[in-house]
Protein backbone atom coordinates (compact mmCIF):
# COMPACT_ATOMS: atom_id res chain seq x y z
CA MET A 1 -22.70 7.49 1.56
CA PHE A 2 -22.59 4.28 -0.51
CA PRO A 3 -23.17 1.92 2.44
CA LEU A 4 -22.89 -1.22 0.27
CA LEU A 5 -19.85 -0.25 -1.84
CA PHE A 6 -17.27 -3.05 -1.60
CA VAL A 7 -15.04 -2.45 -4.66
CA LEU A 8 -13.81 0.89 -5.99
CA ASN A 9 -11.56 1.56 -9.00
CA ILE A 10 -10.14 5.06 -9.36
CA ASP A 11 -8.32 5.90 -12.58
CA HIS A 12 -6.41 9.19 -12.79
CA CYS A 13 -8.66 11.38 -10.67
CA PRO A 14 -6.10 13.66 -8.98
CA LYS A 15 -8.64 16.05 -7.45
CA LEU A 16 -10.95 13.38 -6.11
CA GLU A 17 -11.61 13.55 -2.37
CA LEU A 18 -12.85 10.28 -0.94
CA PRO A 19 -15.60 10.31 1.66
CA CYS A 20 -15.76 7.78 4.48
CA LEU A 21 -16.52 4.40 2.90
CA PRO A 22 -16.79 1.94 5.81
CA SER A 23 -17.93 -1.03 3.69
CA LEU A 24 -15.09 -0.72 1.14
CA LYS A 25 -13.02 -3.92 0.87
CA ASN A 26 -11.09 -3.57 -2.41
CA LEU A 27 -9.53 -0.36 -3.68
CA TYR A 28 -7.59 0.01 -6.95
CA VAL A 29 -6.01 3.40 -7.57
CA ARG A 30 -4.24 4.25 -10.81
CA GLY A 31 -2.46 7.60 -10.91
CA CYS A 32 -2.64 8.27 -7.17
CA ASN A 33 -1.30 11.30 -5.32
CA ASN A 34 -0.42 12.08 -1.70
CA GLU A 35 -3.82 13.57 -0.86
CA LEU A 36 -5.59 10.43 -2.01
CA LEU A 37 -3.15 8.23 -0.08
CA ARG A 38 -3.87 10.18 3.11
CA SER A 39 -7.60 9.57 2.73
CA ILE A 40 -7.04 5.81 2.32
CA SER A 41 -5.83 5.53 5.91
CA GLY A 42 -9.43 5.87 7.10
CA PHE A 43 -10.70 2.77 5.30
CA CYS A 44 -10.34 0.38 8.24
CA GLY A 45 -12.19 -2.50 6.53
CA LEU A 46 -9.99 -2.51 3.42
CA THR A 47 -8.66 -5.99 2.58
CA THR A 48 -7.04 -5.32 -0.82
CA LEU A 49 -5.19 -2.18 -1.88
CA THR A 50 -3.56 -1.73 -5.28
CA LEU A 51 -1.58 1.45 -6.00
CA TYR A 52 -0.41 1.94 -9.55
CA GLY A 53 1.52 4.63 -11.36
CA GLY A 54 1.56 7.55 -8.96
CA ASN A 55 4.58 9.29 -10.45
CA GLU A 56 4.75 11.91 -7.70
CA ILE A 57 4.72 9.38 -4.84
CA THR A 58 8.16 8.98 -3.24
CA SER A 59 6.92 7.74 0.14
CA PHE A 60 3.70 6.87 1.90
CA PRO A 61 2.13 9.48 4.20
CA ASP A 62 2.93 8.97 7.88
CA GLY A 63 0.56 6.49 9.49
CA MET A 64 -1.12 5.53 6.23
CA LEU A 65 -1.09 1.79 6.94
CA ARG A 66 -1.60 2.02 10.70
CA ASN A 67 -5.42 1.85 10.60
CA LEU A 68 -5.61 -0.69 7.78
CA THR A 69 -5.77 -3.59 10.22
CA CYS A 70 -7.76 -5.84 7.85
CA LEU A 71 -5.38 -5.39 4.90
CA GLN A 72 -4.52 -8.80 3.43
CA ASN A 73 -3.28 -7.85 -0.03
CA LEU A 74 -1.03 -4.92 -0.86
CA VAL A 75 0.11 -4.35 -4.44
CA VAL A 76 2.44 -1.42 -5.14
CA TYR A 77 3.55 -0.23 -8.60
CA LEU A 78 5.01 3.21 -7.90
CA PRO A 79 8.10 3.98 -10.03
CA LYS A 80 9.30 6.94 -7.92
CA LEU A 81 8.77 5.29 -4.51
CA LYS A 82 11.98 5.60 -2.49
CA GLU A 83 10.87 4.13 0.82
CA LEU A 84 8.17 2.06 2.42
CA PRO A 85 6.60 3.22 5.67
CA ILE A 86 8.56 2.43 8.81
CA GLU A 87 5.56 0.90 10.52
CA PRO A 88 4.53 -2.74 10.71
CA PHE A 89 2.19 -4.25 8.19
CA GLY A 90 -1.03 -5.57 9.70
CA LEU A 91 -1.09 -8.98 11.31
CA VAL A 92 -3.36 -10.38 8.60
CA MET A 93 -1.20 -9.48 5.57
CA GLU A 94 -1.14 -12.47 3.22
CA HIS A 95 0.12 -11.16 -0.11
CA LEU A 96 2.62 -8.40 -0.79
CA THR A 97 3.64 -7.36 -4.30
CA ILE A 98 6.18 -4.62 -4.95
CA ASP A 99 6.83 -4.14 -8.66
CA ASP A 100 8.36 -1.43 -10.83
CA CYS A 101 9.54 0.58 -7.82
CA ASN A 102 12.87 1.47 -9.39
CA GLU A 103 13.88 4.01 -6.73
CA LEU A 104 13.19 1.75 -3.74
CA GLU A 105 16.42 0.83 -1.97
CA SER A 106 15.40 -1.27 1.02
CA LEU A 107 12.58 -2.97 2.85
CA PRO A 108 12.67 -1.64 6.44
CA GLU A 109 12.91 -4.33 9.09
CA GLN A 110 10.09 -2.70 11.10
CA ILE A 111 7.47 -3.60 8.48
CA TRP A 112 7.86 -7.30 9.28
CA GLU A 113 7.27 -6.94 13.04
CA GLY A 114 4.12 -8.71 14.10
CA LEU A 115 3.59 -10.50 10.81
CA GLN A 116 2.63 -14.03 11.69
CA PHE A 117 2.09 -15.38 8.20
CA LEU A 118 3.01 -14.03 4.76
CA PRO A 119 2.54 -16.85 2.24
CA THR A 120 3.17 -14.73 -0.87
CA MET A 121 5.69 -11.96 -1.44
CA LYS A 122 6.66 -10.82 -4.93
CA ILE A 123 9.38 -8.25 -5.58
CA GLU A 124 10.23 -7.41 -9.18
CA MET A 125 11.95 -4.85 -11.36
CA PHE A 126 14.17 -3.00 -8.94
CA ALA A 127 16.70 -0.88 -10.80
CA ARG A 128 18.79 -0.46 -7.65
CA ARG A 129 20.30 -3.02 -5.35
CA TYR A 130 18.00 -3.56 -2.38
CA SER A 131 18.25 -5.30 0.94
CA THR A 132 15.86 -7.31 3.04
CA PRO A 133 16.19 -7.94 6.77
CA HIS A 134 18.36 -10.87 7.77
CA HIS A 135 17.03 -13.21 10.44
CA THR A 136 19.07 -15.88 12.17
């Protein structure tokens, strides 16, 4: 289905079930929920993922990022997010933006394992004090 679909914008479609979209490269989701996040894990060719305003999202589903081996850009605006997945980001991650995640307390050290190059990281609007891993 949709063999040439490269970009998909989803805006507040809580009951939407996504089919397999092997050609999808860019996905923007506004108003996401856990069911939709679980389906994203199957989009192995995804290079850009933007998640915005999922007020029920407190954590990512287990293994959600594991298969996203081509993911270069991750943008997260989830105000209720309390934790990031404790699994490494893909080796090709180039840009990470975490914004308006007021409940997020830390960035787990495991997410940085294997990252060879991360030229851009933006973290903004944390209401709580947060910590990043310390390297010597």
